[in-house]
Amino acid sequence: MREKILLIGKRPLPIGGVTIHVDRLVTILEKLEMPFSFYNLKFFSVISLTNAILKHKYAHLHSSSSIFRLFFSLMCICTHTKSIITIHGNLGRFSFVYNLMDYMAVWLSDYPIVINQNSYLKAFKINKKTLLMSAYIPSMSNEKLSNNIVGMIEKMKSRYEFICISNAYNFSLGKDGEEIYGITELVTFFREENEYGFVLSDPSGEYSKRFIDVPDNIFIINKPHPFVEVLKYVDCYIRYTSTDGDSLSIHEAIDSGSFVIATDVVDRPTEVILVHRGDFIELKKKLHFLSTAVQKDKTDISRDLNTVDIVKFYNKCVFK
């Protein structure tokens, strides 16, 4: 008899949004004692993946590769396994050939999952079973910040009344050569707007290599750390990306009680204040407004696991 569901992704954590999502999904399924198997793409081979898929009724892929998503969809058809694909990011953000592969994967999949409205409108035209849901899964980690990082942020808070933060898991360029996370632009902005403090979460250390000399109002955390813990100390999270999916960091910032400013490149949660990337006058106005507003109370991040979208989907379709 075939087992229920196979999750396919990468673990343990490197630095990256998709793998963080997979790691958290595995953790909450274990906590909820939901039966599943996990196939680690770090050790991929065609034979081992085929054998794993054959043993399950459902297979759920988490991968950023258009080629692999199409390959997975075809493999599931051949093995008579129900396929679930989560498209992490904007559907249609690649070149023509790779976008075509993604559209074919969506068409062939039993349950395509997308994470923003723009992607949903495209995918639903191809496959009426397309599901729109948040990729957000709360962190189960109890890891704390080092005393050194806490001390640096507290020192900054004593000097500046309003502290902003942004993050980037790595230095990444889009298909047009544009920096995806917009960190260089933000550092330039806060060099000028030095009445604000700015914390950069840079766990890969790539940006700290590029910005060796920064003013006192900018603090770069250049080693791995729990981002959700930093949010407890700041006032506003800025997501200045050129493209996006359903940002985990935005949801964490909202849950923590921080203000959130983000670019208007995709639809965002209603709590987010939108800006157009490159319009620094608009960004300056929004920051001034927030810095003079009544500060929000900090809250603990919600950990009600049964309200997570993917858990509700599994309960409805896989474990029914």
Protein backbone atom coordinates (compact mmCIF):
# COMPACT_ATOMS: atom_id res chain seq x y z
CA MET A 1 0.00 0.00 0.00
CA ARG A 2 1.35 3.42 -0.94
CA GLU A 3 2.20 5.95 1.75
CA LYS A 4 0.37 9.27 1.85
CA ILE A 5 2.74 12.07 0.86
CA LEU A 6 6.33 12.68 -0.15
CA LEU A 7 7.85 16.13 0.39
CA ILE A 8 10.66 16.98 -2.02
CA GLY A 9 13.12 19.78 -1.25
CA LYS A 10 16.46 20.59 0.34
CA ARG A 11 17.60 20.29 3.95
CA PRO A 12 19.38 21.19 6.18
CA LEU A 13 19.18 24.93 5.97
CA PRO A 14 21.45 26.81 3.65
CA ILE A 15 20.50 30.44 3.26
CA GLY A 16 17.39 30.91 1.12
CA GLY A 17 13.64 31.39 1.27
CA VAL A 18 12.52 28.12 -0.36
CA THR A 19 14.67 25.97 1.90
CA ILE A 20 13.53 27.88 4.99
CA HIS A 21 9.94 27.15 3.94
CA VAL A 22 10.72 23.44 3.46
CA ASP A 23 12.55 23.22 6.78
CA ARG A 24 9.65 24.82 8.64
CA LEU A 25 7.10 22.65 6.84
CA VAL A 26 8.93 19.48 7.86
CA THR A 27 9.16 20.76 11.44
CA ILE A 28 5.46 21.53 11.82
CA LEU A 29 4.37 18.25 10.22
CA GLU A 30 6.55 16.44 12.73
CA LYS A 31 5.04 18.46 15.59
CA LEU A 32 1.50 17.74 14.35
CA GLU A 33 2.44 14.06 13.90
CA MET A 34 1.20 14.04 10.30
CA PRO A 35 2.65 11.06 8.38
CA PHE A 36 4.99 12.03 5.55
CA SER A 37 8.31 11.12 3.93
CA PHE A 38 11.03 13.51 2.85
CA TYR A 39 13.28 13.30 -0.21
CA ASN A 40 16.37 15.50 -0.02
CA LEU A 41 17.27 17.02 -3.39
CA LYS A 42 20.84 17.44 -2.17
CA PHE A 43 21.21 13.72 -2.89
CA PHE A 44 19.14 13.62 -6.08
CA SER A 45 19.32 10.87 -8.65
CA VAL A 46 16.64 9.93 -11.17
CA ILE A 47 16.42 6.36 -9.88
CA SER A 48 16.17 7.24 -6.18
CA LEU A 49 13.55 9.95 -6.78
CA THR A 50 11.49 7.67 -9.03
CA ASN A 51 11.53 4.94 -6.39
CA ALA A 52 10.50 7.41 -3.70
CA ILE A 53 7.62 8.82 -5.74
CA LEU A 54 6.37 5.33 -6.60
CA LYS A 55 5.84 4.61 -2.90
CA HIS A 56 3.48 7.54 -2.34
CA LYS A 57 0.00 8.67 -3.36
CA TYR A 58 1.01 12.34 -3.35
CA ALA A 59 4.31 14.10 -4.01
CA HIS A 60 4.88 17.77 -3.18
CA LEU A 61 7.79 19.57 -4.85
CA HIS A 62 9.56 22.68 -3.59
CA SER A 63 12.13 23.76 -6.17
CA SER A 64 13.06 27.00 -7.93
CA SER A 65 14.08 25.18 -11.12
CA SER A 66 11.64 25.40 -14.04
CA ILE A 67 13.29 22.40 -15.70
CA PHE A 68 12.95 20.28 -12.59
CA ARG A 69 9.31 21.30 -12.02
CA LEU A 70 8.40 20.10 -15.51
CA PHE A 71 10.42 16.91 -15.07
CA PHE A 72 8.66 16.24 -11.75
CA SER A 73 5.19 16.73 -13.27
CA LEU A 74 5.94 14.25 -16.04
CA MET A 75 7.42 11.75 -13.59
CA CYS A 76 4.28 11.88 -11.42
CA ILE A 77 2.09 11.20 -14.46
CA CYS A 78 4.22 8.19 -15.36
CA THR A 79 4.06 6.81 -11.80
CA HIS A 80 0.35 7.60 -11.28
CA THR A 81 1.18 9.83 -8.32
CA LYS A 82 -0.79 12.99 -7.53
CA SER A 83 1.55 15.96 -8.03
CA ILE A 84 1.65 19.13 -5.95
CA ILE A 85 3.97 21.95 -7.00
CA THR A 86 4.50 25.16 -5.06
CA ILE A 87 5.74 27.99 -7.28
CA HIS A 88 7.88 30.05 -4.91
CA GLY A 89 8.11 33.44 -6.59
CA ASN A 90 6.36 35.19 -9.44
CA LEU A 91 5.07 32.88 -12.18
CA GLY A 92 6.39 34.15 -15.51
CA ARG A 93 9.49 35.90 -14.16
CA PHE A 94 12.00 33.97 -16.27
CA SER A 95 12.88 33.95 -19.98
CA PHE A 96 10.43 32.65 -22.59
CA VAL A 97 11.74 29.06 -22.58
CA TYR A 98 11.82 28.70 -18.79
CA ASN A 99 8.43 30.36 -18.44
CA LEU A 100 7.03 27.90 -20.98
CA MET A 101 8.37 25.02 -18.89
CA ASP A 102 6.71 26.46 -15.80
CA TYR A 103 3.38 26.87 -17.59
CA MET A 104 3.56 23.27 -18.79
CA ALA A 105 4.36 22.10 -15.25
CA VAL A 106 1.33 24.00 -13.95
CA TRP A 107 -0.86 22.50 -16.68
CA LEU A 108 0.28 18.94 -15.89
CA SER A 109 0.19 19.24 -12.10
CA ASP A 110 -2.76 17.95 -10.07
CA TYR A 111 -2.45 20.77 -7.54
CA PRO A 112 -0.38 23.80 -8.59
CA ILE A 113 0.10 26.18 -5.65
CA VAL A 114 1.00 29.83 -6.19
CA ILE A 115 1.64 32.48 -3.58
CA ASN A 116 0.45 35.78 -5.02
CA GLN A 117 -2.54 37.07 -6.95
CA ASN A 118 -0.64 37.90 -10.14
CA SER A 119 0.66 34.33 -10.40
CA TYR A 120 -2.78 32.95 -9.60
CA LEU A 121 -4.42 34.82 -12.48
CA LYS A 122 -1.86 33.35 -14.90
CA ALA A 123 -1.92 29.82 -13.50
CA PHE A 124 -5.70 29.56 -13.19
CA LYS A 125 -6.08 30.12 -16.94
CA ILE A 126 -3.90 27.05 -17.48
CA ASN A 127 -5.15 24.82 -14.67
CA LYS A 128 -8.47 25.39 -12.87
CA LYS A 129 -7.20 23.41 -9.88
CA THR A 130 -4.64 26.11 -9.11
CA LEU A 131 -4.59 27.12 -5.45
CA LEU A 132 -3.61 30.49 -4.03
CA MET A 133 -2.17 30.33 -0.53
CA SER A 134 0.39 32.00 1.67
CA ALA A 135 3.82 30.39 1.89
CA TYR A 136 4.19 31.71 5.42
CA ILE A 137 5.01 29.19 8.12
CA PRO A 138 5.96 30.58 11.54
CA SER A 139 9.38 29.75 12.88
CA MET A 140 9.54 27.03 15.54
CA SER A 141 13.12 27.91 16.47
CA ASN A 142 13.99 29.11 19.97
CA GLU A 143 17.41 30.39 18.89
CA LYS A 144 18.40 33.71 20.46
CA LEU A 145 20.60 36.56 19.27
CA SER A 146 24.16 36.73 20.53
CA ASN A 147 24.88 39.25 23.28
CA ASN A 148 27.15 41.13 20.87
CA ILE A 149 24.36 41.66 18.32
CA VAL A 150 21.87 42.67 21.01
CA GLY A 151 24.40 45.13 22.43
CA MET A 152 25.03 46.73 19.03
CA ILE A 153 21.32 47.15 18.32
CA GLU A 154 20.64 48.54 21.80
CA LYS A 155 23.46 51.04 21.28
CA MET A 156 21.88 52.08 17.99
CA LYS A 157 18.45 52.44 19.65
CA SER A 158 19.96 54.81 22.21
CA ARG A 159 21.13 57.09 19.37
CA TYR A 160 18.25 56.88 16.90
CA GLU A 161 14.54 57.06 17.67
CA PHE A 162 13.45 55.06 14.62
CA ILE A 163 15.25 51.89 13.51
CA CYS A 164 14.69 50.23 10.12
CA ILE A 165 15.81 46.82 8.94
CA SER A 166 16.11 44.95 5.66
CA ASN A 167 17.49 41.53 4.82
CA ALA A 168 19.00 39.55 1.98
CA TYR A 169 19.97 35.91 2.07
CA ASN A 170 22.60 36.49 -0.59
CA PHE A 171 23.68 38.96 -3.26
CA SER A 172 21.42 38.11 -6.21
CA LEU A 173 20.79 39.64 -9.62
CA GLY A 174 17.61 39.34 -11.68
CA LYS A 175 17.35 38.50 -15.37
CA ASP A 176 17.90 42.17 -16.29
CA GLY A 177 21.02 42.43 -14.14
CA GLU A 178 19.17 44.36 -11.45
CA GLU A 179 19.99 43.63 -7.81
CA ILE A 180 16.95 41.71 -6.54
CA TYR A 181 16.96 42.76 -2.88
CA GLY A 182 17.75 46.44 -3.48
CA ILE A 183 20.20 46.55 -0.58
CA THR A 184 22.73 48.78 -2.35
CA GLU A 185 20.02 51.37 -2.93
CA LEU A 186 18.91 51.21 0.70
CA VAL A 187 22.45 51.62 2.03
CA THR A 188 22.90 54.66 -0.24
CA PHE A 189 19.56 56.04 0.97
CA PHE A 190 20.38 55.66 4.67
CA ARG A 191 23.82 57.19 4.22
CA GLU A 192 21.95 60.38 3.34
CA GLU A 193 18.96 59.97 5.68
CA ASN A 194 21.14 59.53 8.74
CA GLU A 195 18.49 60.53 11.28
CA TYR A 196 17.33 56.90 11.06
CA GLY A 197 19.14 53.78 12.17
CA PHE A 198 19.39 50.98 9.61
CA VAL A 199 20.14 47.33 10.36
CA LEU A 200 21.03 44.99 7.50
CA SER A 201 20.51 41.29 8.09
CA ASP A 202 23.25 39.78 5.91
CA PRO A 203 23.66 36.15 7.03
CA SER A 204 25.78 35.18 4.02
CA GLY A 205 28.21 38.04 4.64
CA GLU A 206 28.16 39.00 0.95
CA TYR A 207 27.00 42.58 1.50
CA SER A 208 29.43 43.28 4.33
CA LYS A 209 32.22 42.59 1.80
CA ARG A 210 30.75 45.23 -0.51
CA PHE A 211 30.10 47.84 2.18
CA ILE A 212 33.31 47.90 4.20
CA ASP A 213 32.97 51.53 5.29
CA VAL A 214 29.49 52.42 6.55
CA PRO A 215 28.39 55.34 8.76
CA ASP A 216 27.41 54.95 12.42
CA ASN A 217 23.68 54.77 11.63
CA ILE A 218 24.14 51.52 9.65
CA PHE A 219 24.81 48.17 11.32
CA ILE A 220 25.40 45.03 9.22
CA ILE A 221 24.87 41.62 10.86
CA ASN A 222 27.20 39.58 8.68
CA LYS A 223 26.77 36.05 10.05
CA PRO A 224 23.87 33.60 10.49
CA HIS A 225 21.34 34.68 13.12
CA PRO A 226 17.60 34.31 13.85
CA PHE A 227 16.01 37.14 11.87
CA VAL A 228 12.75 36.98 13.84
CA GLU A 229 14.68 37.88 16.98
CA VAL A 230 16.11 41.04 15.39
CA LEU A 231 12.56 42.16 14.54
CA LYS A 232 11.88 42.53 18.27
CA TYR A 233 14.28 45.47 18.42
CA VAL A 234 13.37 47.47 15.29
CA ASP A 235 10.49 49.71 14.25
CA CYS A 236 10.14 49.12 10.51
CA TYR A 237 11.00 46.35 8.06
CA ILE A 238 11.74 47.40 4.46
CA ARG A 239 11.38 44.88 1.62
CA TYR A 240 12.92 46.64 -1.39
CA THR A 241 12.89 43.81 -3.92
CA SER A 242 12.59 43.97 -7.71
CA THR A 243 10.53 40.75 -7.75
CA ASP A 244 9.04 38.60 -5.02
CA GLY A 245 6.82 35.77 -3.95
CA ASP A 246 5.04 35.68 -0.61
CA SER A 247 7.83 36.99 1.59
CA LEU A 248 8.28 35.10 4.86
CA SER A 249 10.06 38.12 6.30
CA ILE A 250 7.09 40.40 5.66
CA HIS A 251 4.76 38.07 7.54
CA GLU A 252 7.24 37.74 10.40
CA ALA A 253 7.58 41.51 10.62
CA ILE A 254 3.81 41.98 10.66
CA ASP A 255 3.41 39.29 13.32
CA SER A 256 6.14 40.87 15.44
CA GLY A 257 4.37 44.24 15.48
CA SER A 258 6.77 46.09 13.17
CA PHE A 259 5.72 48.53 10.48
CA VAL A 260 6.35 47.17 6.98
CA ILE A 261 7.25 49.04 3.80
CA ALA A 262 7.61 47.04 0.58
CA THR A 263 7.89 47.57 -3.15
CA ASP A 264 4.75 47.27 -5.24
CA VAL A 265 6.17 44.58 -7.55
CA VAL A 266 3.63 41.98 -6.34
CA ASP A 267 0.46 42.10 -4.28
CA ARG A 268 1.26 42.38 -0.58
CA PRO A 269 -0.64 41.82 2.69
CA THR A 270 -3.03 44.65 3.56
CA GLU A 271 -0.83 45.79 6.47
CA VAL A 272 2.05 46.65 4.12
CA ILE A 273 2.78 50.23 3.03
CA LEU A 274 3.68 50.16 -0.66
CA VAL A 275 6.38 52.17 -2.42
CA HIS A 276 7.70 52.16 -5.97
CA ARG A 277 11.29 50.99 -6.19
CA GLY A 278 13.64 53.83 -7.06
CA ASP A 279 11.29 56.55 -5.79
CA PHE A 280 13.33 57.70 -2.79
CA ILE A 281 11.21 60.80 -2.25
CA GLU A 282 8.21 58.54 -1.66
CA LEU A 283 10.24 56.28 0.64
CA LYS A 284 11.44 59.29 2.63
CA LYS A 285 7.86 60.53 3.06
CA LYS A 286 6.62 57.13 4.21
CA LEU A 287 9.44 56.79 6.75
CA HIS A 288 8.80 60.29 8.08
CA PHE A 289 5.12 59.47 8.51
CA LEU A 290 5.82 56.21 10.34
CA SER A 291 8.54 57.69 12.53
CA THR A 292 6.08 60.29 13.83
CA ALA A 293 3.19 57.83 14.22
CA VAL A 294 2.25 56.02 17.40
CA GLN A 295 4.63 53.09 17.72
CA LYS A 296 3.15 49.61 17.52
CA ASP A 297 3.44 47.23 20.45
CA LYS A 298 5.77 44.30 19.91
CA THR A 299 4.08 40.90 19.95
CA ASP A 300 5.17 37.27 19.96
CA ILE A 301 4.90 35.57 16.57
CA SER A 302 1.79 33.38 16.31
CA ARG A 303 2.45 29.63 16.36
CA ASP A 304 -1.04 28.17 15.85
CA LEU A 305 0.07 25.50 13.40
CA ASN A 306 -3.40 24.35 12.35
CA THR A 307 -4.09 27.77 10.81
CA VAL A 308 -1.14 27.48 8.39
CA ASP A 309 -2.49 27.34 4.81
CA ILE A 310 -0.52 24.30 3.68
CA VAL A 311 -1.57 22.33 6.78
CA LYS A 312 -5.22 23.11 6.05
CA PHE A 313 -4.71 21.97 2.45
CA TYR A 314 -3.10 18.69 3.52
CA ASN A 315 -5.93 18.00 5.95
CA LYS A 316 -8.53 18.67 3.26
CA CYS A 317 -6.98 16.89 0.27
CA VAL A 318 -4.23 14.51 1.38
CA PHE A 319 -5.32 13.25 4.80
CA LYS A 320 -9.08 13.38 4.18
